[in-house]
Amino acid sequence: MDWVFQYDPRRIQMTVAPGATGWWAAVQHREQMGPGDRIYFFKSGPGAGITAIGQTTGSVRAQVSEFGRYAVD
């Protein structure tokens, strides 16, 4: 499946580099996400648009953060 993860550059510093890794809050549709799903990272605000394309490397897991209670790598 393909997903769009939106971020606000005033709140999140997005590292766009080949091989960059990390986790992302899985706020909606987490029960449908799985390893190998394609992710489009969309920057909001001035200069809005797709800034990176990646893929999930695992299943959604519990991880509490300021963005929610679940995350995906």
N, C-alpha and C. Protein backbone atom coordinates (compact mmCIF):
# COMPACT_ATOMS: atom_id res chain seq x y z
N MET A 1 0.84 -1.18 0.00
CA MET A 1 0.00 0.00 0.00
C MET A 1 0.88 1.24 0.00
N ASP A 2 0.31 2.33 -0.39
CA ASP A 2 0.99 3.62 -0.38
C ASP A 2 0.32 4.53 0.64
N TRP A 3 1.16 5.35 1.32
CA TRP A 3 0.66 6.26 2.36
C TRP A 3 1.30 7.63 2.19
N VAL A 4 0.60 8.66 2.64
CA VAL A 4 1.14 10.01 2.69
C VAL A 4 1.24 10.41 4.16
N PHE A 5 2.45 10.73 4.60
CA PHE A 5 2.66 11.22 5.96
C PHE A 5 2.95 12.71 5.84
N GLN A 6 2.10 13.53 6.46
CA GLN A 6 2.26 14.97 6.41
C GLN A 6 3.05 15.46 7.61
N TYR A 7 3.91 16.44 7.38
CA TYR A 7 4.63 17.04 8.49
C TYR A 7 4.71 18.56 8.34
N ASP A 8 4.78 19.22 9.48
CA ASP A 8 4.90 20.68 9.54
C ASP A 8 6.36 20.99 9.84
N PRO A 9 7.07 21.63 8.92
CA PRO A 9 8.50 21.90 9.14
C PRO A 9 8.78 22.81 10.33
N ARG A 10 7.76 23.49 10.86
CA ARG A 10 7.96 24.29 12.07
C ARG A 10 8.04 23.40 13.31
N ARG A 11 7.53 22.16 13.20
CA ARG A 11 7.53 21.24 14.34
C ARG A 11 8.49 20.06 14.17
N ILE A 12 8.73 19.65 12.93
CA ILE A 12 9.55 18.47 12.66
C ILE A 12 10.65 18.82 11.69
N GLN A 13 11.87 18.53 12.05
CA GLN A 13 13.00 18.70 11.15
C GLN A 13 13.17 17.39 10.37
N MET A 14 12.85 17.42 9.09
CA MET A 14 12.88 16.22 8.26
C MET A 14 14.26 16.08 7.63
N THR A 15 14.92 14.95 7.86
CA THR A 15 16.19 14.66 7.23
C THR A 15 15.92 13.91 5.94
N VAL A 16 16.28 14.51 4.82
CA VAL A 16 16.08 13.87 3.52
C VAL A 16 17.46 13.48 3.00
N ALA A 17 17.78 12.21 3.14
CA ALA A 17 19.07 11.71 2.68
C ALA A 17 18.93 10.23 2.35
N PRO A 18 19.61 9.76 1.32
CA PRO A 18 19.55 8.34 1.01
C PRO A 18 19.93 7.50 2.22
N GLY A 19 19.13 6.51 2.52
CA GLY A 19 19.41 5.61 3.63
C GLY A 19 19.01 6.12 5.00
N ALA A 20 18.41 7.32 5.08
CA ALA A 20 17.98 7.84 6.38
C ALA A 20 16.92 6.92 6.98
N THR A 21 16.97 6.73 8.28
CA THR A 21 16.00 5.87 8.97
C THR A 21 15.40 6.61 10.14
N GLY A 22 14.34 6.08 10.66
CA GLY A 22 13.68 6.66 11.82
C GLY A 22 12.28 6.11 11.94
N TRP A 23 11.51 6.68 12.82
CA TRP A 23 10.13 6.24 13.01
C TRP A 23 9.21 7.41 12.71
N TRP A 24 7.94 7.08 12.47
CA TRP A 24 6.93 8.09 12.16
C TRP A 24 5.67 7.70 12.89
N ALA A 25 4.96 8.67 13.44
CA ALA A 25 3.70 8.39 14.13
C ALA A 25 2.69 7.81 13.15
N ALA A 26 2.03 6.75 13.56
CA ALA A 26 0.99 6.11 12.75
C ALA A 26 -0.34 6.48 13.39
N VAL A 27 -0.91 7.59 12.95
CA VAL A 27 -2.10 8.15 13.57
C VAL A 27 -3.38 7.54 13.01
N GLN A 28 -3.43 7.36 11.71
CA GLN A 28 -4.63 6.83 11.06
C GLN A 28 -4.29 5.58 10.26
N HIS A 29 -5.24 4.70 10.11
CA HIS A 29 -5.14 3.51 9.26
C HIS A 29 -3.99 2.59 9.65
N ARG A 30 -3.54 2.64 10.88
CA ARG A 30 -2.38 1.84 11.31
C ARG A 30 -2.62 0.34 11.18
N GLU A 31 -3.89 -0.09 11.27
CA GLU A 31 -4.18 -1.52 11.15
C GLU A 31 -3.97 -2.03 9.73
N GLN A 32 -3.85 -1.14 8.77
CA GLN A 32 -3.63 -1.52 7.38
C GLN A 32 -2.17 -1.41 6.96
N MET A 33 -1.31 -0.80 7.77
CA MET A 33 0.09 -0.60 7.42
C MET A 33 0.90 -1.86 7.69
N GLY A 34 1.90 -2.06 6.86
CA GLY A 34 2.77 -3.22 7.05
C GLY A 34 4.13 -2.99 6.43
N PRO A 35 5.05 -3.93 6.66
CA PRO A 35 6.40 -3.82 6.11
C PRO A 35 6.37 -3.70 4.59
N GLY A 36 7.22 -2.82 4.06
CA GLY A 36 7.34 -2.64 2.62
C GLY A 36 6.37 -1.67 1.99
N ASP A 37 5.48 -1.08 2.79
CA ASP A 37 4.56 -0.07 2.24
C ASP A 37 5.35 1.18 1.83
N ARG A 38 4.94 1.80 0.73
CA ARG A 38 5.59 3.02 0.26
C ARG A 38 5.03 4.22 1.02
N ILE A 39 5.92 5.14 1.39
CA ILE A 39 5.53 6.34 2.13
C ILE A 39 5.96 7.57 1.34
N TYR A 40 5.03 8.50 1.14
CA TYR A 40 5.34 9.81 0.57
C TYR A 40 5.30 10.80 1.73
N PHE A 41 6.37 11.54 1.93
CA PHE A 41 6.43 12.53 2.99
C PHE A 41 6.06 13.88 2.41
N PHE A 42 4.99 14.48 2.95
CA PHE A 42 4.44 15.73 2.43
C PHE A 42 4.67 16.85 3.43
N LYS A 43 5.40 17.88 2.99
CA LYS A 43 5.66 19.06 3.84
C LYS A 43 4.50 20.03 3.67
N SER A 44 3.93 20.51 4.78
CA SER A 44 2.85 21.49 4.74
C SER A 44 3.43 22.90 4.79
N GLY A 45 2.55 23.89 4.56
CA GLY A 45 2.96 25.28 4.66
C GLY A 45 3.60 25.82 3.39
N PRO A 46 4.31 26.95 3.52
CA PRO A 46 4.97 27.53 2.34
C PRO A 46 5.93 26.51 1.71
N GLY A 47 5.90 26.40 0.41
CA GLY A 47 6.75 25.42 -0.27
C GLY A 47 6.26 24.00 -0.10
N ALA A 48 4.96 23.84 0.14
CA ALA A 48 4.39 22.52 0.39
C ALA A 48 4.62 21.58 -0.78
N GLY A 49 4.75 20.30 -0.45
CA GLY A 49 4.88 19.29 -1.49
C GLY A 49 5.57 18.04 -0.96
N ILE A 50 5.71 17.06 -1.82
CA ILE A 50 6.38 15.82 -1.48
C ILE A 50 7.88 16.10 -1.40
N THR A 51 8.49 15.75 -0.27
CA THR A 51 9.92 16.01 -0.07
C THR A 51 10.76 14.73 -0.07
N ALA A 52 10.10 13.58 0.12
CA ALA A 52 10.85 12.32 0.17
C ALA A 52 9.89 11.16 -0.06
N ILE A 53 10.46 10.06 -0.50
CA ILE A 53 9.72 8.81 -0.65
C ILE A 53 10.52 7.74 0.08
N GLY A 54 9.83 6.94 0.87
CA GLY A 54 10.50 5.87 1.61
C GLY A 54 9.60 4.67 1.71
N GLN A 55 9.95 3.76 2.61
CA GLN A 55 9.08 2.61 2.84
C GLN A 55 9.18 2.16 4.28
N THR A 56 8.12 1.53 4.74
CA THR A 56 8.10 1.01 6.10
C THR A 56 9.00 -0.21 6.17
N THR A 57 9.66 -0.37 7.30
CA THR A 57 10.55 -1.51 7.49
C THR A 57 10.04 -2.48 8.55
N GLY A 58 8.87 -2.19 9.10
CA GLY A 58 8.30 -3.05 10.13
C GLY A 58 6.82 -2.81 10.25
N SER A 59 6.24 -3.46 11.22
CA SER A 59 4.82 -3.28 11.50
C SER A 59 4.62 -2.15 12.49
N VAL A 60 3.42 -1.65 12.57
CA VAL A 60 3.08 -0.60 13.54
C VAL A 60 3.26 -1.17 14.95
N ARG A 61 3.80 -0.36 15.82
CA ARG A 61 4.04 -0.78 17.21
C ARG A 61 3.62 0.33 18.16
N ALA A 62 3.43 -0.03 19.41
CA ALA A 62 3.09 0.97 20.43
C ALA A 62 4.33 1.81 20.71
N GLN A 63 4.16 3.12 20.64
CA GLN A 63 5.21 4.07 21.01
C GLN A 63 4.53 5.41 21.27
N VAL A 64 4.51 5.80 22.51
CA VAL A 64 3.85 7.05 22.88
C VAL A 64 4.77 8.22 22.56
N SER A 65 4.21 9.23 21.90
CA SER A 65 4.94 10.45 21.59
C SER A 65 3.95 11.61 21.60
N GLU A 66 4.43 12.80 21.34
CA GLU A 66 3.54 13.96 21.28
C GLU A 66 2.57 13.86 20.09
N PHE A 67 2.83 12.93 19.17
CA PHE A 67 2.02 12.79 17.96
C PHE A 67 1.00 11.65 18.05
N GLY A 68 1.08 10.84 19.08
CA GLY A 68 0.13 9.74 19.22
C GLY A 68 0.69 8.59 20.03
N ARG A 69 0.04 7.43 19.91
CA ARG A 69 0.43 6.27 20.71
C ARG A 69 1.05 5.14 19.90
N TYR A 70 1.16 5.33 18.58
CA TYR A 70 1.68 4.26 17.71
C TYR A 70 2.70 4.84 16.74
N ALA A 71 3.62 3.99 16.29
CA ALA A 71 4.65 4.43 15.35
C ALA A 71 4.98 3.28 14.39
N VAL A 72 5.59 3.65 13.29
CA VAL A 72 6.08 2.67 12.31
C VAL A 72 7.47 3.13 11.87
N ASP A 73 8.35 2.18 11.69
CA ASP A 73 9.71 2.48 11.22
C ASP A 73 9.72 2.47 9.70
